[in-house]
Amino acid sequence: MHTYVKTLQNVANYAANGMQSFVSFDMVHVFKTLQLIEVYGHVSREMLCDELELGEGATRTLMKHLKMQNLIESTNAGTKMSKKGNALFSEFLSSIPYELSLSKCSITLGKHNYAVLVKQMGSTVKSGIEQRDVAIKMGASGATTLLFMDNKFFIPLTGFDALQNEFRLSKQLIETLHPEDGDVIIIGTDHHSEKKAEFAAKSAALMTIMNHEKH
């Protein structure tokens, strides 16, 4: 397994004195926390509660676990990334470099859609059902997985160009996500919440990376 994903697992599943700690957050919340710190430089617990849609207790535990892994540190201005955290986040950017909020489209179920690019993981994807199931576990309506090859977006296993009649969406994905042959695009979707769509896509992306070394 990629070491940077393993580190996220360690944060989400930290065990103290051999006893597993009960947490109400997932790897995707850890990843999103690092993204927020990268964007804003410093974050407060209140901001994280709001952005992650977690309770204060869960957010406090998440930050505690991040500190135990030496990924963040506290300053007078708020919580910032440590040197180790910056190095870890750089590794993630090499695998998940671009993301994009999308409007409703014909290839997804929900009103709210969020796309993430996963670099060079096309060989890891089977049917796309695994990504959909992860999205549903996150509380979203589902996820659509596309494989990019020869400037087209294919449904896994079918060889069907999913965006052959969606010229505007195809152009938007290419111009914003900059896919290359062998890349994967995962679009999380939800009927009511863009946040759920985003977390669904990112959680499915993390699962895809985790599965990479099983092939």
N, C-alpha and C. Protein backbone atom coordinates (compact mmCIF):
# COMPACT_ATOMS: atom_id res chain seq x y z
N MET A 1 0.84 -1.19 0.00
CA MET A 1 0.00 0.00 0.00
C MET A 1 0.88 1.24 0.00
N HIS A 2 0.46 2.25 -0.70
CA HIS A 2 1.21 3.49 -0.71
C HIS A 2 1.35 4.01 0.73
N THR A 3 2.55 4.42 1.08
CA THR A 3 2.82 4.79 2.47
C THR A 3 2.00 5.99 2.92
N TYR A 4 1.70 6.91 2.00
CA TYR A 4 0.96 8.10 2.42
C TYR A 4 -0.49 7.76 2.75
N VAL A 5 -1.07 6.76 2.04
CA VAL A 5 -2.42 6.33 2.40
C VAL A 5 -2.40 5.58 3.72
N LYS A 6 -1.36 4.79 3.94
CA LYS A 6 -1.22 4.09 5.22
C LYS A 6 -1.15 5.07 6.37
N THR A 7 -0.50 6.21 6.16
CA THR A 7 -0.43 7.22 7.21
C THR A 7 -1.82 7.77 7.53
N LEU A 8 -2.64 7.98 6.51
CA LEU A 8 -4.01 8.42 6.76
C LEU A 8 -4.78 7.39 7.56
N GLN A 9 -4.57 6.12 7.23
CA GLN A 9 -5.22 5.04 7.99
C GLN A 9 -4.78 5.09 9.45
N ASN A 10 -3.50 5.32 9.68
CA ASN A 10 -2.99 5.38 11.05
C ASN A 10 -3.64 6.51 11.83
N VAL A 11 -3.87 7.64 11.16
CA VAL A 11 -4.53 8.77 11.83
C VAL A 11 -5.97 8.43 12.16
N ALA A 12 -6.67 7.82 11.18
CA ALA A 12 -8.09 7.52 11.36
C ALA A 12 -8.33 6.37 12.33
N ASN A 13 -7.34 5.48 12.49
CA ASN A 13 -7.52 4.28 13.31
C ASN A 13 -6.49 4.19 14.42
N TYR A 14 -6.07 5.32 14.95
CA TYR A 14 -5.01 5.32 15.95
C TYR A 14 -5.40 4.47 17.17
N ALA A 15 -4.48 3.62 17.57
CA ALA A 15 -4.71 2.76 18.74
C ALA A 15 -3.73 3.15 19.84
N ALA A 16 -4.24 3.40 21.01
CA ALA A 16 -3.41 3.77 22.16
C ALA A 16 -3.33 2.60 23.13
N ASN A 17 -2.10 2.24 23.51
CA ASN A 17 -1.87 1.16 24.48
C ASN A 17 -2.55 -0.15 24.05
N GLY A 18 -2.57 -0.37 22.73
CA GLY A 18 -3.14 -1.61 22.23
C GLY A 18 -4.65 -1.59 22.12
N MET A 19 -5.30 -0.52 22.57
CA MET A 19 -6.76 -0.42 22.52
C MET A 19 -7.17 0.46 21.36
N GLN A 20 -8.05 -0.05 20.51
CA GLN A 20 -8.49 0.72 19.35
C GLN A 20 -9.35 1.89 19.80
N SER A 21 -9.05 3.04 19.29
CA SER A 21 -9.77 4.24 19.62
C SER A 21 -11.03 4.34 18.76
N PHE A 22 -12.18 4.62 19.37
CA PHE A 22 -13.41 4.79 18.59
C PHE A 22 -13.41 6.18 17.97
N VAL A 23 -13.57 6.23 16.66
CA VAL A 23 -13.60 7.52 15.98
C VAL A 23 -14.82 7.58 15.07
N SER A 24 -15.31 8.77 14.86
CA SER A 24 -16.46 8.96 13.97
C SER A 24 -16.04 9.71 12.72
N PHE A 25 -14.78 9.58 12.35
CA PHE A 25 -14.30 10.17 11.11
C PHE A 25 -13.55 9.12 10.32
N ASP A 26 -13.28 9.43 9.06
CA ASP A 26 -12.68 8.49 8.13
C ASP A 26 -11.42 9.10 7.53
N MET A 27 -10.73 8.29 6.70
CA MET A 27 -9.53 8.80 6.03
C MET A 27 -9.81 10.05 5.22
N VAL A 28 -10.98 10.12 4.62
CA VAL A 28 -11.29 11.26 3.77
C VAL A 28 -11.34 12.55 4.59
N HIS A 29 -11.77 12.46 5.86
CA HIS A 29 -11.78 13.65 6.71
C HIS A 29 -10.35 14.10 7.04
N VAL A 30 -9.47 13.13 7.20
CA VAL A 30 -8.06 13.45 7.44
C VAL A 30 -7.48 14.14 6.21
N PHE A 31 -7.76 13.58 5.05
CA PHE A 31 -7.26 14.15 3.80
C PHE A 31 -7.80 15.56 3.60
N LYS A 32 -9.08 15.75 3.83
CA LYS A 32 -9.69 17.08 3.66
C LYS A 32 -9.09 18.08 4.65
N THR A 33 -8.78 17.63 5.86
CA THR A 33 -8.14 18.52 6.84
C THR A 33 -6.82 19.03 6.31
N LEU A 34 -6.01 18.14 5.76
CA LEU A 34 -4.72 18.55 5.20
C LEU A 34 -4.92 19.49 4.02
N GLN A 35 -5.94 19.25 3.21
CA GLN A 35 -6.23 20.15 2.10
C GLN A 35 -6.58 21.56 2.60
N LEU A 36 -7.39 21.62 3.63
CA LEU A 36 -7.80 22.92 4.18
C LEU A 36 -6.61 23.68 4.74
N ILE A 37 -5.74 22.97 5.44
CA ILE A 37 -4.55 23.62 5.99
C ILE A 37 -3.66 24.11 4.85
N GLU A 38 -3.54 23.32 3.80
CA GLU A 38 -2.74 23.72 2.64
C GLU A 38 -3.29 25.00 2.02
N VAL A 39 -4.60 25.10 1.93
CA VAL A 39 -5.24 26.26 1.29
C VAL A 39 -5.14 27.51 2.17
N TYR A 40 -5.44 27.36 3.46
CA TYR A 40 -5.53 28.53 4.34
C TYR A 40 -4.28 28.80 5.17
N GLY A 41 -3.36 27.86 5.19
CA GLY A 41 -2.16 28.05 5.99
C GLY A 41 -2.35 27.64 7.43
N HIS A 42 -3.40 28.16 8.05
CA HIS A 42 -3.77 27.81 9.43
C HIS A 42 -5.27 27.55 9.46
N VAL A 43 -5.72 26.65 10.32
CA VAL A 43 -7.15 26.40 10.50
C VAL A 43 -7.48 26.35 11.99
N SER A 44 -8.70 26.66 12.30
CA SER A 44 -9.19 26.55 13.67
C SER A 44 -10.07 25.31 13.79
N ARG A 45 -10.31 24.91 15.03
CA ARG A 45 -11.19 23.76 15.25
C ARG A 45 -12.60 24.07 14.76
N GLU A 46 -13.02 25.34 14.93
CA GLU A 46 -14.36 25.72 14.51
C GLU A 46 -14.50 25.59 12.99
N MET A 47 -13.47 26.00 12.26
CA MET A 47 -13.51 25.88 10.80
C MET A 47 -13.60 24.42 10.40
N LEU A 48 -12.80 23.57 11.04
CA LEU A 48 -12.80 22.16 10.69
C LEU A 48 -14.16 21.52 10.98
N CYS A 49 -14.75 21.86 12.11
CA CYS A 49 -16.09 21.33 12.44
C CYS A 49 -17.06 21.63 11.31
N ASP A 50 -17.02 22.87 10.82
CA ASP A 50 -17.94 23.30 9.79
C ASP A 50 -17.62 22.64 8.45
N GLU A 51 -16.36 22.65 8.04
CA GLU A 51 -15.97 22.14 6.73
C GLU A 51 -16.07 20.61 6.65
N LEU A 52 -15.79 19.94 7.75
CA LEU A 52 -15.81 18.47 7.75
C LEU A 52 -17.18 17.92 8.14
N GLU A 53 -18.04 18.80 8.65
CA GLU A 53 -19.36 18.39 9.15
C GLU A 53 -19.22 17.32 10.23
N LEU A 54 -18.29 17.57 11.14
CA LEU A 54 -18.06 16.70 12.29
C LEU A 54 -18.36 17.46 13.57
N GLY A 55 -18.68 16.72 14.63
CA GLY A 55 -18.88 17.34 15.93
C GLY A 55 -17.56 17.81 16.52
N GLU A 56 -17.66 18.61 17.55
CA GLU A 56 -16.46 19.16 18.17
C GLU A 56 -15.57 18.07 18.75
N GLY A 57 -16.19 17.05 19.36
CA GLY A 57 -15.41 15.96 19.94
C GLY A 57 -14.63 15.18 18.90
N ALA A 58 -15.29 14.86 17.78
CA ALA A 58 -14.63 14.13 16.70
C ALA A 58 -13.51 14.96 16.09
N THR A 59 -13.75 16.25 15.92
CA THR A 59 -12.73 17.13 15.36
C THR A 59 -11.53 17.23 16.28
N ARG A 60 -11.78 17.32 17.58
CA ARG A 60 -10.69 17.37 18.54
C ARG A 60 -9.85 16.10 18.49
N THR A 61 -10.53 14.95 18.38
CA THR A 61 -9.82 13.67 18.30
C THR A 61 -9.00 13.58 17.02
N LEU A 62 -9.58 14.02 15.90
CA LEU A 62 -8.87 14.00 14.63
C LEU A 62 -7.58 14.82 14.73
N MET A 63 -7.67 16.01 15.30
CA MET A 63 -6.49 16.87 15.41
C MET A 63 -5.46 16.25 16.35
N LYS A 64 -5.94 15.60 17.40
CA LYS A 64 -5.04 14.92 18.33
C LYS A 64 -4.26 13.82 17.62
N HIS A 65 -4.96 13.04 16.80
CA HIS A 65 -4.32 11.96 16.07
C HIS A 65 -3.31 12.50 15.05
N LEU A 66 -3.66 13.60 14.39
CA LEU A 66 -2.73 14.22 13.44
C LEU A 66 -1.45 14.68 14.15
N LYS A 67 -1.62 15.21 15.34
CA LYS A 67 -0.44 15.64 16.11
C LYS A 67 0.40 14.45 16.54
N MET A 68 -0.26 13.35 16.89
CA MET A 68 0.48 12.15 17.30
C MET A 68 1.31 11.59 16.14
N GLN A 69 0.85 11.81 14.93
CA GLN A 69 1.60 11.38 13.74
C GLN A 69 2.57 12.48 13.26
N ASN A 70 2.65 13.57 14.03
CA ASN A 70 3.56 14.69 13.71
C ASN A 70 3.26 15.32 12.35
N LEU A 71 1.98 15.37 11.99
CA LEU A 71 1.59 15.94 10.70
C LEU A 71 1.16 17.40 10.82
N ILE A 72 0.75 17.81 12.01
CA ILE A 72 0.35 19.20 12.24
C ILE A 72 0.99 19.70 13.53
N GLU A 73 0.99 21.01 13.71
CA GLU A 73 1.48 21.61 14.95
C GLU A 73 0.67 22.86 15.25
N SER A 74 0.58 23.20 16.51
CA SER A 74 -0.21 24.34 16.95
C SER A 74 0.65 25.59 17.07
N THR A 75 0.09 26.72 16.63
CA THR A 75 0.74 28.01 16.79
C THR A 75 -0.29 29.00 17.32
N ASN A 76 0.16 30.21 17.62
CA ASN A 76 -0.77 31.23 18.09
C ASN A 76 -1.82 31.57 17.04
N ALA A 77 -1.47 31.40 15.78
CA ALA A 77 -2.40 31.72 14.69
C ALA A 77 -3.39 30.59 14.41
N GLY A 78 -3.13 29.40 14.95
CA GLY A 78 -3.99 28.25 14.69
C GLY A 78 -3.15 27.02 14.39
N THR A 79 -3.78 26.02 13.83
CA THR A 79 -3.09 24.77 13.50
C THR A 79 -2.52 24.86 12.09
N LYS A 80 -1.25 24.46 11.93
CA LYS A 80 -0.62 24.48 10.62
C LYS A 80 0.03 23.13 10.33
N MET A 81 0.44 22.95 9.11
CA MET A 81 1.09 21.71 8.70
C MET A 81 2.52 21.68 9.21
N SER A 82 2.97 20.52 9.64
CA SER A 82 4.37 20.34 10.00
C SER A 82 5.18 20.03 8.74
N LYS A 83 6.49 19.96 8.89
CA LYS A 83 7.34 19.60 7.75
C LYS A 83 6.96 18.22 7.23
N LYS A 84 6.70 17.28 8.13
CA LYS A 84 6.29 15.94 7.73
C LYS A 84 4.94 15.98 7.02
N GLY A 85 4.02 16.81 7.54
CA GLY A 85 2.72 16.94 6.92
C GLY A 85 2.80 17.50 5.51
N ASN A 86 3.66 18.49 5.32
CA ASN A 86 3.84 19.07 3.98
C ASN A 86 4.37 18.03 3.01
N ALA A 87 5.32 17.21 3.47
CA ALA A 87 5.89 16.17 2.61
C ALA A 87 4.82 15.15 2.24
N LEU A 88 3.99 14.76 3.22
CA LEU A 88 2.92 13.80 2.97
C LEU A 88 1.92 14.37 1.97
N PHE A 89 1.55 15.63 2.16
CA PHE A 89 0.55 16.22 1.28
C PHE A 89 1.07 16.34 -0.15
N SER A 90 2.35 16.59 -0.31
CA SER A 90 2.94 16.65 -1.64
C SER A 90 2.81 15.31 -2.35
N GLU A 91 2.94 14.21 -1.60
CA GLU A 91 2.76 12.88 -2.20
C GLU A 91 1.32 12.69 -2.67
N PHE A 92 0.37 13.18 -1.88
CA PHE A 92 -1.02 13.06 -2.28
C PHE A 92 -1.30 13.84 -3.54
N LEU A 93 -0.71 15.02 -3.66
CA LEU A 93 -0.92 15.84 -4.84
C LEU A 93 -0.40 15.16 -6.11
N SER A 94 0.57 14.28 -5.95
CA SER A 94 1.07 13.55 -7.12
C SER A 94 0.07 12.51 -7.60
N SER A 95 -0.83 12.07 -6.71
CA SER A 95 -1.83 11.07 -7.07
C SER A 95 -3.22 11.66 -7.31
N ILE A 96 -3.56 12.71 -6.55
CA ILE A 96 -4.86 13.37 -6.69
C ILE A 96 -4.62 14.86 -6.87
N PRO A 97 -4.17 15.27 -8.06
CA PRO A 97 -3.74 16.65 -8.23
C PRO A 97 -4.84 17.67 -8.51
N TYR A 98 -5.98 17.20 -9.06
CA TYR A 98 -7.01 18.15 -9.48
C TYR A 98 -8.40 17.65 -9.07
N GLU A 99 -9.28 18.61 -8.85
CA GLU A 99 -10.67 18.30 -8.50
C GLU A 99 -11.57 19.39 -9.03
N LEU A 100 -12.87 19.10 -9.09
CA LEU A 100 -13.77 20.03 -9.76
C LEU A 100 -15.22 19.79 -9.33
N SER A 101 -15.91 20.86 -8.98
CA SER A 101 -17.34 20.79 -8.71
C SER A 101 -18.10 20.88 -10.02
N LEU A 102 -19.09 20.00 -10.19
CA LEU A 102 -19.83 19.92 -11.45
C LEU A 102 -21.32 20.14 -11.24
N SER A 103 -21.98 20.65 -12.25
CA SER A 103 -23.44 20.74 -12.22
C SER A 103 -24.04 19.40 -12.61
N LYS A 104 -25.34 19.32 -12.59
CA LYS A 104 -26.03 18.07 -12.93
C LYS A 104 -25.71 17.68 -14.37
N CYS A 105 -25.49 16.38 -14.59
CA CYS A 105 -25.19 15.91 -15.94
C CYS A 105 -25.81 14.53 -16.16
N SER A 106 -25.77 14.05 -17.38
CA SER A 106 -26.49 12.85 -17.75
C SER A 106 -25.85 11.57 -17.23
N ILE A 107 -24.58 11.59 -16.84
CA ILE A 107 -23.90 10.35 -16.45
C ILE A 107 -23.90 10.14 -14.94
N THR A 108 -24.54 11.02 -14.18
CA THR A 108 -24.60 10.86 -12.73
C THR A 108 -26.05 10.91 -12.26
N LEU A 109 -26.26 10.50 -11.01
CA LEU A 109 -27.62 10.41 -10.49
C LEU A 109 -28.12 11.71 -9.87
N GLY A 110 -27.24 12.40 -9.16
CA GLY A 110 -27.69 13.49 -8.31
C GLY A 110 -27.54 14.88 -8.90
N LYS A 111 -28.08 15.83 -8.19
CA LYS A 111 -28.00 17.24 -8.57
C LYS A 111 -26.60 17.79 -8.33
N HIS A 112 -25.95 17.31 -7.26
CA HIS A 112 -24.62 17.79 -6.90
C HIS A 112 -23.57 16.75 -7.29
N ASN A 113 -22.53 17.21 -7.96
CA ASN A 113 -21.50 16.30 -8.46
C ASN A 113 -20.11 16.89 -8.21
N TYR A 114 -19.16 16.00 -7.95
CA TYR A 114 -17.80 16.45 -7.65
C TYR A 114 -16.82 15.44 -8.24
N ALA A 115 -15.91 15.94 -9.07
CA ALA A 115 -14.97 15.07 -9.78
C ALA A 115 -13.57 15.21 -9.23
N VAL A 116 -12.86 14.09 -9.12
CA VAL A 116 -11.45 14.10 -8.74
C VAL A 116 -10.68 13.26 -9.75
N LEU A 117 -9.46 13.67 -10.01
CA LEU A 117 -8.58 12.94 -10.91
C LEU A 117 -7.64 12.07 -10.08
N VAL A 118 -7.50 10.81 -10.45
CA VAL A 118 -6.57 9.90 -9.80
C VAL A 118 -5.56 9.46 -10.85
N LYS A 119 -4.30 9.79 -10.63
CA LYS A 119 -3.27 9.58 -11.64
C LYS A 119 -2.90 8.11 -11.79
N GLN A 120 -2.90 7.66 -13.05
CA GLN A 120 -2.33 6.37 -13.45
C GLN A 120 -2.84 5.18 -12.63
N MET A 121 -4.15 5.16 -12.38
CA MET A 121 -4.75 4.07 -11.63
C MET A 121 -5.76 3.28 -12.46
N GLY A 122 -5.72 3.47 -13.79
CA GLY A 122 -6.68 2.80 -14.65
C GLY A 122 -6.65 1.29 -14.52
N SER A 123 -5.45 0.73 -14.32
CA SER A 123 -5.34 -0.73 -14.21
C SER A 123 -5.90 -1.26 -12.91
N THR A 124 -6.11 -0.38 -11.95
CA THR A 124 -6.64 -0.80 -10.64
C THR A 124 -8.16 -0.93 -10.65
N VAL A 125 -8.81 -0.14 -11.49
CA VAL A 125 -10.27 -0.12 -11.52
C VAL A 125 -10.81 -1.37 -12.21
N LYS A 126 -11.80 -1.99 -11.59
CA LYS A 126 -12.45 -3.17 -12.18
C LYS A 126 -13.69 -2.72 -12.95
N SER A 127 -14.81 -2.66 -12.27
CA SER A 127 -16.05 -2.28 -12.94
C SER A 127 -16.55 -0.89 -12.55
N GLY A 128 -15.96 -0.31 -11.50
CA GLY A 128 -16.46 0.95 -10.99
C GLY A 128 -17.46 0.77 -9.86
N ILE A 129 -17.90 -0.48 -9.66
CA ILE A 129 -18.86 -0.75 -8.59
C ILE A 129 -18.22 -0.52 -7.23
N GLU A 130 -16.94 -0.85 -7.11
CA GLU A 130 -16.25 -0.65 -5.83
C GLU A 130 -16.27 0.83 -5.44
N GLN A 131 -16.01 1.71 -6.40
CA GLN A 131 -16.03 3.15 -6.12
C GLN A 131 -17.44 3.63 -5.77
N ARG A 132 -18.43 3.08 -6.48
CA ARG A 132 -19.82 3.44 -6.17
C ARG A 132 -20.19 3.04 -4.75
N ASP A 133 -19.79 1.83 -4.35
CA ASP A 133 -20.14 1.33 -3.02
C ASP A 133 -19.50 2.17 -1.92
N VAL A 134 -18.25 2.61 -2.14
CA VAL A 134 -17.60 3.48 -1.16
C VAL A 134 -18.35 4.79 -1.04
N ALA A 135 -18.78 5.33 -2.17
CA ALA A 135 -19.53 6.59 -2.15
C ALA A 135 -20.82 6.45 -1.37
N ILE A 136 -21.52 5.35 -1.57
CA ILE A 136 -22.78 5.13 -0.85
C ILE A 136 -22.53 4.99 0.65
N LYS A 137 -21.43 4.33 1.02
CA LYS A 137 -21.10 4.21 2.44
C LYS A 137 -20.84 5.57 3.08
N MET A 138 -20.39 6.53 2.26
CA MET A 138 -20.17 7.88 2.76
C MET A 138 -21.47 8.67 2.86
N GLY A 139 -22.57 8.06 2.48
CA GLY A 139 -23.87 8.71 2.58
C GLY A 139 -24.30 9.43 1.32
N ALA A 140 -23.52 9.32 0.24
CA ALA A 140 -23.87 9.96 -1.02
C ALA A 140 -24.76 9.04 -1.85
N SER A 141 -25.23 9.57 -2.97
CA SER A 141 -26.12 8.78 -3.84
C SER A 141 -25.35 7.77 -4.67
N GLY A 142 -24.06 8.02 -4.91
CA GLY A 142 -23.27 7.08 -5.70
C GLY A 142 -22.04 7.74 -6.28
N ALA A 143 -21.42 7.07 -7.25
CA ALA A 143 -20.25 7.61 -7.94
C ALA A 143 -20.15 6.99 -9.32
N THR A 144 -19.65 7.79 -10.25
CA THR A 144 -19.39 7.32 -11.61
C THR A 144 -17.88 7.32 -11.83
N THR A 145 -17.35 6.22 -12.31
CA THR A 145 -15.91 6.10 -12.56
C THR A 145 -15.66 6.05 -14.06
N LEU A 146 -14.72 6.88 -14.51
CA LEU A 146 -14.37 6.96 -15.91
C LEU A 146 -12.88 6.71 -16.10
N LEU A 147 -12.53 6.01 -17.17
CA LEU A 147 -11.13 5.79 -17.52
C LEU A 147 -10.79 6.66 -18.72
N PHE A 148 -9.69 7.39 -18.63
CA PHE A 148 -9.32 8.30 -19.72
C PHE A 148 -8.28 7.64 -20.63
N MET A 149 -8.59 7.62 -21.93
CA MET A 149 -7.68 7.03 -22.91
C MET A 149 -7.99 7.62 -24.28
N ASP A 150 -6.96 8.02 -25.00
CA ASP A 150 -7.13 8.56 -26.35
C ASP A 150 -8.11 9.72 -26.40
N ASN A 151 -8.02 10.56 -25.38
CA ASN A 151 -8.85 11.77 -25.31
C ASN A 151 -10.35 11.48 -25.14
N LYS A 152 -10.65 10.30 -24.60
CA LYS A 152 -12.04 9.91 -24.37
C LYS A 152 -12.19 9.38 -22.94
N PHE A 153 -13.44 9.40 -22.45
CA PHE A 153 -13.75 8.94 -21.11
C PHE A 153 -14.60 7.67 -21.21
N PHE A 154 -14.02 6.56 -20.80
CA PHE A 154 -14.68 5.27 -20.97
C PHE A 154 -15.26 4.72 -19.66
N ILE A 155 -16.41 4.06 -19.78
CA ILE A 155 -16.96 3.30 -18.67
C ILE A 155 -16.13 2.03 -18.53
N PRO A 156 -15.67 1.67 -17.31
CA PRO A 156 -14.85 0.46 -17.14
C PRO A 156 -15.53 -0.79 -17.69
N LEU A 157 -14.74 -1.63 -18.32
CA LEU A 157 -15.12 -2.94 -18.85
C LEU A 157 -15.97 -2.89 -20.12
N THR A 158 -16.58 -1.76 -20.41
CA THR A 158 -17.53 -1.70 -21.52
C THR A 158 -16.92 -1.19 -22.82
N GLY A 159 -15.87 -0.36 -22.73
CA GLY A 159 -15.34 0.27 -23.93
C GLY A 159 -16.26 1.36 -24.46
N PHE A 160 -17.25 1.76 -23.66
CA PHE A 160 -18.23 2.76 -24.08
C PHE A 160 -17.74 4.16 -23.72
N ASP A 161 -17.72 5.05 -24.70
CA ASP A 161 -17.34 6.44 -24.48
C ASP A 161 -18.51 7.17 -23.81
N ALA A 162 -18.42 7.36 -22.51
CA ALA A 162 -19.54 7.89 -21.73
C ALA A 162 -19.89 9.33 -22.08
N LEU A 163 -18.93 10.08 -22.61
CA LEU A 163 -19.17 11.50 -22.85
C LEU A 163 -19.21 11.84 -24.34
N GLN A 164 -19.52 10.85 -25.16
CA GLN A 164 -19.53 11.12 -26.61
C GLN A 164 -20.58 12.15 -27.00
N ASN A 165 -21.64 12.27 -26.18
CA ASN A 165 -22.66 13.28 -26.45
C ASN A 165 -22.65 14.41 -25.43
N GLU A 166 -21.65 14.40 -24.57
CA GLU A 166 -21.51 15.45 -23.54
C GLU A 166 -20.26 16.27 -23.86
N PHE A 167 -20.30 17.01 -24.95
CA PHE A 167 -19.12 17.72 -25.41
C PHE A 167 -18.66 18.78 -24.41
N ARG A 168 -19.59 19.49 -23.82
CA ARG A 168 -19.23 20.55 -22.87
C ARG A 168 -18.59 19.97 -21.63
N LEU A 169 -19.16 18.89 -21.09
CA LEU A 169 -18.60 18.26 -19.90
C LEU A 169 -17.23 17.67 -20.20
N SER A 170 -17.08 17.02 -21.35
CA SER A 170 -15.80 16.45 -21.72
C SER A 170 -14.72 17.53 -21.78
N LYS A 171 -15.05 18.65 -22.41
CA LYS A 171 -14.10 19.76 -22.51
C LYS A 171 -13.76 20.32 -21.14
N GLN A 172 -14.77 20.44 -20.27
CA GLN A 172 -14.55 20.96 -18.93
C GLN A 172 -13.62 20.06 -18.12
N LEU A 173 -13.83 18.76 -18.20
CA LEU A 173 -12.99 17.82 -17.47
C LEU A 173 -11.56 17.85 -17.99
N ILE A 174 -11.40 17.92 -19.30
CA ILE A 174 -10.05 17.93 -19.88
C ILE A 174 -9.31 19.21 -19.52
N GLU A 175 -10.00 20.34 -19.61
CA GLU A 175 -9.34 21.63 -19.36
C GLU A 175 -9.04 21.86 -17.89
N THR A 176 -9.84 21.29 -16.99
CA THR A 176 -9.65 21.55 -15.56
C THR A 176 -8.86 20.45 -14.86
N LEU A 177 -9.10 19.20 -15.23
CA LEU A 177 -8.44 18.08 -14.54
C LEU A 177 -7.16 17.62 -15.25
N HIS A 178 -6.98 18.02 -16.50
CA HIS A 178 -5.77 17.70 -17.26
C HIS A 178 -5.45 16.19 -17.25
N PRO A 179 -6.40 15.34 -17.60
CA PRO A 179 -6.14 13.88 -17.56
C PRO A 179 -5.19 13.45 -18.66
N GLU A 180 -4.48 12.37 -18.38
CA GLU A 180 -3.60 11.72 -19.35
C GLU A 180 -4.02 10.26 -19.48
N ASP A 181 -3.56 9.60 -20.54
CA ASP A 181 -3.92 8.20 -20.72
C ASP A 181 -3.58 7.37 -19.49
N GLY A 182 -4.55 6.56 -19.03
CA GLY A 182 -4.34 5.74 -17.85
C GLY A 182 -4.85 6.35 -16.56
N ASP A 183 -5.29 7.61 -16.63
CA ASP A 183 -5.84 8.26 -15.44
C ASP A 183 -7.29 7.86 -15.21
N VAL A 184 -7.76 8.06 -13.99
CA VAL A 184 -9.12 7.75 -13.58
C VAL A 184 -9.80 9.03 -13.11
N ILE A 185 -11.04 9.21 -13.50
CA ILE A 185 -11.85 10.32 -12.99
C ILE A 185 -13.02 9.70 -12.22
N ILE A 186 -13.15 10.09 -10.96
CA ILE A 186 -14.26 9.61 -10.13
C ILE A 186 -15.17 10.79 -9.83
N ILE A 187 -16.44 10.64 -10.15
CA ILE A 187 -17.41 11.71 -9.91
C ILE A 187 -18.38 11.24 -8.83
N GLY A 188 -18.25 11.82 -7.64
CA GLY A 188 -19.20 11.55 -6.57
C GLY A 188 -20.47 12.35 -6.81
N THR A 189 -21.61 11.78 -6.47
CA THR A 189 -22.88 12.45 -6.74
C THR A 189 -23.84 12.31 -5.56
N ASP A 190 -24.64 13.35 -5.36
CA ASP A 190 -25.65 13.29 -4.29
C ASP A 190 -26.82 14.19 -4.66
N HIS A 191 -27.99 13.80 -4.21
CA HIS A 191 -29.20 14.56 -4.53
C HIS A 191 -29.29 15.86 -3.74
N HIS A 192 -28.69 15.92 -2.54
CA HIS A 192 -28.94 17.04 -1.65
C HIS A 192 -27.70 17.84 -1.25
N SER A 193 -26.51 17.25 -1.30
CA SER A 193 -25.34 17.90 -0.69
C SER A 193 -24.11 17.80 -1.57
N GLU A 194 -23.52 18.96 -1.90
CA GLU A 194 -22.25 18.95 -2.63
C GLU A 194 -21.13 18.39 -1.76
N LYS A 195 -21.21 18.64 -0.46
CA LYS A 195 -20.18 18.12 0.45
C LYS A 195 -20.15 16.60 0.42
N LYS A 196 -21.32 15.97 0.43
CA LYS A 196 -21.36 14.51 0.36
C LYS A 196 -20.80 14.01 -0.97
N ALA A 197 -21.11 14.72 -2.04
CA ALA A 197 -20.58 14.35 -3.35
C ALA A 197 -19.05 14.45 -3.35
N GLU A 198 -18.53 15.52 -2.76
CA GLU A 198 -17.08 15.70 -2.68
C GLU A 198 -16.42 14.60 -1.86
N PHE A 199 -16.95 14.34 -0.67
CA PHE A 199 -16.36 13.33 0.20
C PHE A 199 -16.48 11.94 -0.42
N ALA A 200 -17.57 11.70 -1.15
CA ALA A 200 -17.74 10.42 -1.81
C ALA A 200 -16.66 10.21 -2.86
N ALA A 201 -16.42 11.22 -3.69
CA ALA A 201 -15.40 11.11 -4.74
C ALA A 201 -14.01 10.91 -4.14
N LYS A 202 -13.69 11.67 -3.11
CA LYS A 202 -12.36 11.58 -2.51
C LYS A 202 -12.17 10.27 -1.76
N SER A 203 -13.22 9.80 -1.09
CA SER A 203 -13.12 8.52 -0.40
C SER A 203 -12.92 7.39 -1.40
N ALA A 204 -13.64 7.44 -2.52
CA ALA A 204 -13.48 6.42 -3.56
C ALA A 204 -12.09 6.51 -4.18
N ALA A 205 -11.56 7.71 -4.32
CA ALA A 205 -10.21 7.88 -4.86
C ALA A 205 -9.17 7.28 -3.93
N LEU A 206 -9.32 7.50 -2.63
CA LEU A 206 -8.39 6.93 -1.66
C LEU A 206 -8.44 5.41 -1.67
N MET A 207 -9.65 4.86 -1.79
CA MET A 207 -9.80 3.41 -1.87
C MET A 207 -9.12 2.86 -3.11
N THR A 208 -9.23 3.57 -4.21
CA THR A 208 -8.61 3.14 -5.46
C THR A 208 -7.08 3.09 -5.31
N ILE A 209 -6.53 4.09 -4.67
CA ILE A 209 -5.08 4.11 -4.43
C ILE A 209 -4.68 2.96 -3.51
N MET A 210 -5.48 2.71 -2.47
CA MET A 210 -5.20 1.62 -1.54
C MET A 210 -5.17 0.28 -2.27
N ASN A 211 -6.07 0.12 -3.23
CA ASN A 211 -6.15 -1.16 -3.94
C ASN A 211 -5.07 -1.36 -5.00
N HIS A 212 -4.33 -0.32 -5.27
CA HIS A 212 -3.38 -0.36 -6.39
C HIS A 212 -2.36 -1.47 -6.23
N GLU A 213 -1.81 -1.64 -5.04
CA GLU A 213 -0.75 -2.61 -4.85
C GLU A 213 -1.26 -4.04 -4.69
N LYS A 214 -2.59 -4.21 -4.72
CA LYS A 214 -3.16 -5.56 -4.70
C LYS A 214 -3.14 -6.18 -6.09
N HIS A 215 -2.85 -5.36 -7.11
CA HIS A 215 -2.88 -5.85 -8.49
C HIS A 215 -1.49 -6.20 -8.94
